[in-house]
């Protein structure tokens, strides 16, 4: 695997990268050549170690902070470590048994979800996040579009719980009442009874895959619906626990940095969108830093996994923490928690 060059990473360089990532995860400080030589146990001269580190830096796998001669992993370095070098550490049997007992003592789904987020947070010392099961979310009942002055349209969305969501949307062109009625009829037939998160995903898929063969009005209808559905997303469909654990990490402890992160946890939409991307994943999925696509999560990682009932994905859970989180321990914890939560919800 390579980062910024076509030359393969040598086995020796991979060995050093693994040692560097593990040391940085443990200490949170840039790793110097002398420390690496000791950690790897290889009989190499300091000059040889520095050359290997320079090679890794040229590949874009490590970088040197301005204030230190040591190096830290880049997002590409973490990705290579996660994809090819990581050795996970299964949780201890008594730890899993305790988690299973915590779930077994509950029969209310809301309590199970809250407990899952608390367990994730407590065991990993990171922020635990759990998406509410799909079967408990609001479903789409009806959408209407009313023309306003100029190029504005009032979109009205009603859910099966009787909630009404309004949004004034600016369109690329003016539409007649009959055109807007036609668009609403199309959407109502397409989405009636579907839960709101599924509606949003289906909207994005329809716009992406059928754009060329849809007429302009239908494309506009899909875009109008997407905008009002985003507003209607239920912000209570994500449980979060342990946000304050992130204050223990120096790289996240900047006041402005924490403020942005906590706002993201409160607003929830960006985190929900990221968890959505784990729904179709087989097992655990990891987003490191900029891979999330959200600036506020730069320097952070999300480790997520879907949870199932009878083989069907009904939600996603995970943890959010610094990019240097203890992946060997966190990944199996997230995986086990997803399995235990699915089993508990099935029998709850």
Protein backbone atom coordinates (compact mmCIF):
# COMPACT_ATOMS: atom_id res chain seq x y z
CA UNK A 1 0.00 0.00 0.00
CA UNK A 2 1.20 3.52 -0.69
CA UNK A 3 0.24 7.03 0.21
CA UNK A 4 1.91 9.61 -2.03
CA UNK A 5 4.13 7.43 -4.18
CA UNK A 6 3.92 4.29 -6.25
CA UNK A 7 6.82 2.65 -4.38
CA UNK A 8 5.63 -0.03 -1.94
CA UNK A 9 6.22 0.44 1.76
CA UNK A 10 8.95 -1.96 2.86
CA UNK A 11 8.39 -4.51 5.58
CA UNK A 12 10.92 -2.71 7.76
CA UNK A 13 9.14 0.61 7.26
CA UNK A 14 5.81 -1.03 8.13
CA UNK A 15 7.39 -2.44 11.28
CA UNK A 16 8.49 1.05 12.30
CA UNK A 17 5.13 2.58 11.41
CA UNK A 18 3.32 0.05 13.60
CA UNK A 19 5.67 0.79 16.51
CA UNK A 20 5.30 4.54 16.01
CA UNK A 21 1.48 4.46 15.92
CA UNK A 22 1.29 2.22 18.99
CA UNK A 23 3.69 4.43 20.93
CA UNK A 24 1.86 7.62 19.91
CA UNK A 25 -1.49 6.11 20.87
CA UNK A 26 -0.07 5.23 24.27
CA UNK A 27 1.81 8.45 25.08
CA UNK A 28 0.32 11.16 22.88
CA UNK A 29 3.77 12.63 22.24
CA UNK A 30 5.78 12.80 18.98
CA UNK A 31 7.98 9.73 18.68
CA UNK A 32 11.72 10.13 18.17
CA UNK A 33 14.12 7.82 16.32
CA UNK A 34 15.84 6.63 19.49
CA UNK A 35 12.52 5.61 21.06
CA UNK A 36 11.51 3.79 17.89
CA UNK A 37 14.80 1.89 17.70
CA UNK A 38 14.21 0.69 21.26
CA UNK A 39 10.54 -0.21 20.68
CA UNK A 40 11.20 -2.20 17.51
CA UNK A 41 14.07 -4.15 19.03
CA UNK A 42 16.03 -3.96 15.77
CA UNK A 43 19.80 -3.57 15.81
CA UNK A 44 19.96 -0.53 13.55
CA UNK A 45 22.05 2.61 13.63
CA UNK A 46 20.36 5.92 14.49
CA UNK A 47 21.08 7.07 10.93
CA UNK A 48 19.26 4.05 9.47
CA UNK A 49 16.24 4.67 11.70
CA UNK A 50 16.14 8.32 10.64
CA UNK A 51 16.26 7.27 6.99
CA UNK A 52 13.30 4.93 7.46
CA UNK A 53 11.39 7.72 9.18
CA UNK A 54 12.21 10.07 6.30
CA UNK A 55 10.86 7.47 3.87
CA UNK A 56 7.61 7.22 5.84
CA UNK A 57 7.34 11.00 5.88
CA UNK A 58 7.84 11.20 2.11
CA UNK A 59 5.06 8.62 1.73
CA UNK A 60 2.77 10.90 3.73
CA UNK A 61 2.37 8.33 6.53
CA UNK A 62 4.00 10.37 9.32
CA UNK A 63 4.71 14.05 9.86
CA UNK A 64 6.93 16.18 12.09
CA UNK A 65 5.21 18.77 14.29
CA UNK A 66 6.98 22.11 14.21
CA UNK A 67 7.82 21.98 17.90
CA UNK A 68 9.43 18.53 17.93
CA UNK A 69 11.98 16.41 16.15
CA UNK A 70 9.75 13.40 16.70
CA UNK A 71 7.00 12.26 14.35
CA UNK A 72 3.28 11.52 14.58
CA UNK A 73 0.99 9.51 12.28
CA UNK A 74 -1.01 11.22 9.55
CA UNK A 75 -4.52 10.16 8.56
CA UNK A 76 -2.91 8.01 5.83
CA UNK A 77 -0.60 6.50 8.42
CA UNK A 78 -3.51 5.60 10.69
CA UNK A 79 -5.41 4.16 7.72
CA UNK A 80 -2.50 1.91 6.72
CA UNK A 81 -2.10 0.83 10.35
CA UNK A 82 -5.81 0.02 10.66
CA UNK A 83 -6.07 -1.80 7.33
CA UNK A 84 -2.93 -3.92 7.47
CA UNK A 85 -1.06 -3.75 10.79
CA UNK A 86 -3.65 -3.75 13.55
CA UNK A 87 -3.97 -6.61 16.01
CA UNK A 88 -7.14 -6.32 18.10
CA UNK A 89 -7.44 -7.43 21.70
CA UNK A 90 -10.74 -9.18 22.48
CA UNK A 91 -12.40 -7.97 25.69
CA UNK A 92 -11.96 -10.14 28.78
CA UNK A 93 -14.72 -12.71 29.31
CA UNK A 94 -15.73 -11.20 32.65
CA UNK A 95 -16.00 -7.77 31.03
CA UNK A 96 -18.35 -9.11 28.35
CA UNK A 97 -20.35 -11.00 30.99
CA UNK A 98 -20.83 -7.78 32.97
CA UNK A 99 -22.03 -5.95 29.86
CA UNK A 100 -24.44 -8.79 29.12
CA UNK A 101 -25.81 -8.62 32.69
CA UNK A 102 -26.36 -4.86 32.36
CA UNK A 103 -28.47 -5.42 29.25
CA UNK A 104 -30.31 -8.43 30.68
CA UNK A 105 -31.59 -6.37 33.61
CA UNK A 106 -33.56 -4.12 31.24
CA UNK A 107 -36.62 -4.70 29.08
CA UNK A 108 -37.31 -1.16 27.87
CA UNK A 109 -35.74 -0.30 24.52
CA UNK A 110 -34.99 3.31 25.46
CA UNK A 111 -33.17 2.11 28.57
CA UNK A 112 -31.24 -0.43 26.50
CA UNK A 113 -30.11 2.26 24.05
CA UNK A 114 -29.08 4.61 26.86
CA UNK A 115 -27.21 1.78 28.60
CA UNK A 116 -25.35 0.93 25.38
CA UNK A 117 -24.10 4.50 25.02
CA UNK A 118 -23.09 4.57 28.71
CA UNK A 119 -21.26 1.23 28.43
CA UNK A 120 -19.39 2.34 25.34
CA UNK A 121 -18.36 5.53 27.08
CA UNK A 122 -17.48 3.91 30.39
CA UNK A 123 -15.44 1.04 28.98
CA UNK A 124 -13.51 3.02 26.35
CA UNK A 125 -13.32 6.38 28.21
CA UNK A 126 -14.47 8.06 25.00
CA UNK A 127 -17.85 9.45 23.84
CA UNK A 128 -20.41 6.71 23.21
CA UNK A 129 -23.07 7.27 20.52
CA UNK A 130 -26.07 5.07 19.67
CA UNK A 131 -28.60 5.66 16.93
CA UNK A 132 -32.21 4.95 17.90
CA UNK A 133 -33.62 1.77 16.30
CA UNK A 134 -35.40 2.41 13.03
CA UNK A 135 -38.61 0.81 14.24
CA UNK A 136 -39.01 3.59 16.82
CA UNK A 137 -38.55 6.55 14.49
CA UNK A 138 -41.14 8.78 12.97
CA UNK A 139 -42.45 7.72 9.59
CA UNK A 140 -43.32 9.82 6.55
CA UNK A 141 -47.04 10.50 6.12
CA UNK A 142 -47.44 13.39 3.67
CA UNK A 143 -45.66 16.28 2.01
CA UNK A 144 -47.16 19.37 0.36
CA UNK A 145 -45.66 22.26 -1.58
CA UNK A 146 -47.32 25.68 -1.67
CA UNK A 147 -46.12 28.44 -4.05
CA UNK A 148 -45.05 31.72 -2.45
CA UNK A 149 -43.97 34.96 -4.07
CA UNK A 150 -40.99 34.93 -6.36
CA UNK A 151 -38.98 31.73 -6.51
CA UNK A 152 -40.00 30.54 -3.04
CA UNK A 153 -41.94 27.42 -2.09
CA UNK A 154 -43.35 26.46 1.31
CA UNK A 155 -42.69 22.76 1.98
CA UNK A 156 -44.90 21.11 4.64
CA UNK A 157 -43.98 17.65 5.91
CA UNK A 158 -46.24 15.60 8.21
CA UNK A 159 -45.08 12.46 10.05
CA UNK A 160 -47.16 9.55 11.32
CA UNK A 161 -46.91 11.00 14.84
CA UNK A 162 -48.70 14.12 13.65
CA UNK A 163 -45.58 16.31 13.73
CA UNK A 164 -45.58 19.10 11.16
CA UNK A 165 -42.35 20.54 9.75
CA UNK A 166 -42.27 23.64 7.54
CA UNK A 167 -39.51 25.14 5.47
CA UNK A 168 -39.40 27.96 2.94
CA UNK A 169 -37.21 26.88 0.03
CA UNK A 170 -35.78 28.97 -2.79
CA UNK A 171 -36.08 27.20 -6.15
CA UNK A 172 -34.17 27.59 -9.39
CA UNK A 173 -37.36 28.49 -11.25
CA UNK A 174 -41.02 29.21 -10.62
CA UNK A 175 -43.53 26.36 -10.48
CA UNK A 176 -47.29 26.47 -10.86
CA UNK A 177 -49.60 25.08 -8.17
CA UNK A 178 -50.39 22.11 -10.42
CA UNK A 179 -46.69 21.30 -10.91
CA UNK A 180 -46.07 21.42 -7.17
CA UNK A 181 -49.11 19.21 -6.56
CA UNK A 182 -47.76 16.72 -9.09
CA UNK A 183 -44.38 16.72 -7.34
CA UNK A 184 -46.00 16.14 -3.94
CA UNK A 185 -48.13 13.28 -5.27
CA UNK A 186 -45.00 11.61 -6.66
CA UNK A 187 -43.18 11.89 -3.32
CA UNK A 188 -46.17 10.78 -1.25
CA UNK A 189 -46.52 7.63 -3.32
CA UNK A 190 -42.79 6.96 -3.08
CA UNK A 191 -42.27 7.47 0.65
CA UNK A 192 -45.56 6.84 2.47
CA UNK A 193 -44.94 4.87 5.68
CA UNK A 194 -41.14 4.87 5.46
CA UNK A 195 -39.16 6.01 8.49
CA UNK A 196 -37.61 9.45 8.11
CA UNK A 197 -33.99 8.34 8.02
CA UNK A 198 -34.79 5.81 5.31
CA UNK A 199 -36.61 8.56 3.38
CA UNK A 200 -33.52 10.77 3.45
CA UNK A 201 -31.26 7.94 2.31
CA UNK A 202 -33.65 7.00 -0.48
CA UNK A 203 -33.84 10.64 -1.59
CA UNK A 204 -30.08 10.84 -1.93
CA UNK A 205 -29.99 7.54 -3.83
CA UNK A 206 -32.76 8.61 -6.19
CA UNK A 207 -31.02 11.90 -6.93
CA UNK A 208 -27.68 10.19 -7.47
CA UNK A 209 -28.72 7.18 -9.54
CA UNK A 210 -31.71 8.40 -11.55
CA UNK A 211 -30.76 12.00 -12.23
CA UNK A 212 -30.29 11.58 -15.96
CA UNK A 213 -33.58 9.84 -16.65
CA UNK A 214 -35.84 11.97 -14.48
CA UNK A 215 -37.56 15.00 -15.84
CA UNK A 216 -36.68 18.37 -14.37
CA UNK A 217 -39.78 18.65 -12.19
CA UNK A 218 -39.17 15.32 -10.46
CA UNK A 219 -35.53 16.19 -9.84
CA UNK A 220 -36.66 19.44 -8.26
CA UNK A 221 -39.26 17.59 -6.18
CA UNK A 222 -36.58 15.28 -4.81
CA UNK A 223 -34.37 18.23 -3.95
CA UNK A 224 -37.25 20.08 -2.25
CA UNK A 225 -38.07 16.98 -0.23
CA UNK A 226 -34.43 16.50 0.77
CA UNK A 227 -34.23 20.00 2.21
CA UNK A 228 -37.36 19.71 4.33
CA UNK A 229 -36.52 16.16 5.48
CA UNK A 230 -33.17 17.38 6.78
CA UNK A 231 -35.00 19.95 8.88
CA UNK A 232 -37.45 17.32 10.11
CA UNK A 233 -34.82 14.89 11.34
CA UNK A 234 -35.58 14.03 14.92
CA UNK A 235 -32.61 15.24 16.94
CA UNK A 236 -33.58 12.91 19.78
CA UNK A 237 -32.79 9.82 17.72
CA UNK A 238 -29.18 9.78 18.91
CA UNK A 239 -28.07 8.93 22.44
CA UNK A 240 -24.71 10.38 23.47
CA UNK A 241 -22.76 9.67 26.67
CA UNK A 242 -19.33 10.64 27.94
CA UNK A 243 -18.60 13.74 25.86
CA UNK A 244 -16.58 15.14 28.76
CA UNK A 245 -14.14 12.21 28.45
CA UNK A 246 -12.70 14.03 25.44
CA UNK A 247 -11.44 16.77 27.74
CA UNK A 248 -8.82 14.31 29.00
CA UNK A 249 -6.96 14.36 25.67
CA UNK A 250 -4.55 17.25 25.24
CA UNK A 251 -5.05 17.48 21.47
CA UNK A 252 -8.79 18.08 21.98
CA UNK A 253 -8.61 20.17 25.16
CA UNK A 254 -8.42 23.55 23.42
CA UNK A 255 -11.45 25.55 24.56
CA UNK A 256 -12.60 26.51 21.06
CA UNK A 257 -12.03 22.93 19.84
CA UNK A 258 -14.13 21.51 22.66
CA UNK A 259 -16.87 24.07 22.05
CA UNK A 260 -17.15 22.98 18.41
CA UNK A 261 -17.18 19.30 19.32
CA UNK A 262 -19.82 19.72 22.01
CA UNK A 263 -21.97 21.73 19.61
CA UNK A 264 -21.73 18.84 17.15
CA UNK A 265 -22.87 16.43 19.86
CA UNK A 266 -25.78 18.73 20.70
CA UNK A 267 -26.84 19.42 17.11
CA UNK A 268 -26.27 15.70 16.21
CA UNK A 269 -26.95 15.92 12.49
CA UNK A 270 -23.35 15.53 11.33
CA UNK A 271 -22.79 12.57 13.65
CA UNK A 272 -26.02 10.94 12.48
CA UNK A 273 -24.99 11.36 8.85
CA UNK A 274 -21.65 9.72 9.65
CA UNK A 275 -23.33 6.82 11.44
CA UNK A 276 -25.61 6.42 8.42
CA UNK A 277 -22.53 5.56 6.40
CA UNK A 278 -21.92 2.57 8.68
CA UNK A 279 -25.36 1.06 8.06
CA UNK A 280 -24.32 -0.96 5.02
CA UNK A 281 -20.91 -1.89 6.46
CA UNK A 282 -20.01 -5.45 7.32
CA UNK A 283 -18.90 -5.22 10.93
CA UNK A 284 -16.93 -2.31 12.31
CA UNK A 285 -16.19 0.76 10.19
CA UNK A 286 -13.70 3.49 11.08
CA UNK A 287 -13.45 7.11 9.96
CA UNK A 288 -10.20 8.86 10.85
CA UNK A 289 -9.95 12.64 10.86
CA UNK A 290 -10.75 14.15 7.49
CA UNK A 291 -12.24 10.85 6.26
CA UNK A 292 -15.45 11.85 8.05
CA UNK A 293 -15.94 14.76 5.67
CA UNK A 294 -16.70 17.08 8.60
CA UNK A 295 -14.21 19.74 9.66
CA UNK A 296 -15.41 19.67 13.26
CA UNK A 297 -14.33 16.02 13.52
CA UNK A 298 -10.84 16.68 12.19
CA UNK A 299 -8.36 15.12 14.60
CA UNK A 300 -11.06 12.71 15.80
CA UNK A 301 -12.03 9.19 14.82
CA UNK A 302 -15.37 7.43 14.83
CA UNK A 303 -15.50 3.67 15.26
CA UNK A 304 -19.00 2.44 14.39
CA UNK A 305 -20.84 -0.82 13.89
CA UNK A 306 -24.43 -1.66 12.91
CA UNK A 307 -26.63 -3.62 15.30
CA UNK A 308 -29.13 -6.16 14.04
CA UNK A 309 -32.35 -7.96 14.88
CA UNK A 310 -32.94 -11.20 12.97
CA UNK A 311 -30.20 -10.30 10.53
CA UNK A 312 -31.66 -6.89 9.67
CA UNK A 313 -29.76 -3.70 10.48
CA UNK A 314 -31.90 -1.43 12.65
CA UNK A 315 -29.31 1.06 13.87
CA UNK A 316 -25.67 1.94 14.41
CA UNK A 317 -23.59 2.58 17.50
CA UNK A 318 -20.01 3.60 18.11
CA UNK A 319 -17.51 5.82 19.88
CA UNK A 320 -15.92 9.15 19.03
CA UNK A 321 -12.52 10.13 20.34
CA UNK A 322 -9.12 11.43 19.29
CA UNK A 323 -7.47 9.91 16.23
CA UNK A 324 -4.91 8.31 18.55
CA UNK A 325 -7.56 6.26 20.38
CA UNK A 326 -6.67 2.74 21.49
CA UNK A 327 -8.02 0.96 18.39
CA UNK A 328 -6.92 -2.57 19.41
CA UNK A 329 -9.23 -2.31 22.43
CA UNK A 330 -11.95 0.02 21.12
CA UNK A 331 -12.80 -1.90 17.95
CA UNK A 332 -13.76 -5.20 19.65
CA UNK A 333 -15.65 -3.30 22.38
CA UNK A 334 -17.79 -1.58 19.74
CA UNK A 335 -18.34 -4.88 17.92
CA UNK A 336 -19.35 -6.76 21.08
CA UNK A 337 -21.65 -3.95 22.25
CA UNK A 338 -23.45 -3.95 18.88
CA UNK A 339 -24.02 -7.71 19.14
CA UNK A 340 -25.21 -7.53 22.73
CA UNK A 341 -27.56 -4.62 22.06
CA UNK A 342 -29.13 -6.39 19.07
CA UNK A 343 -29.70 -9.53 21.14
CA UNK A 344 -31.15 -7.53 24.04
CA UNK A 345 -33.55 -5.60 21.81
CA UNK A 346 -34.73 -8.81 20.16
CA UNK A 347 -35.67 -10.33 23.51
CA UNK A 348 -36.74 -7.09 25.15
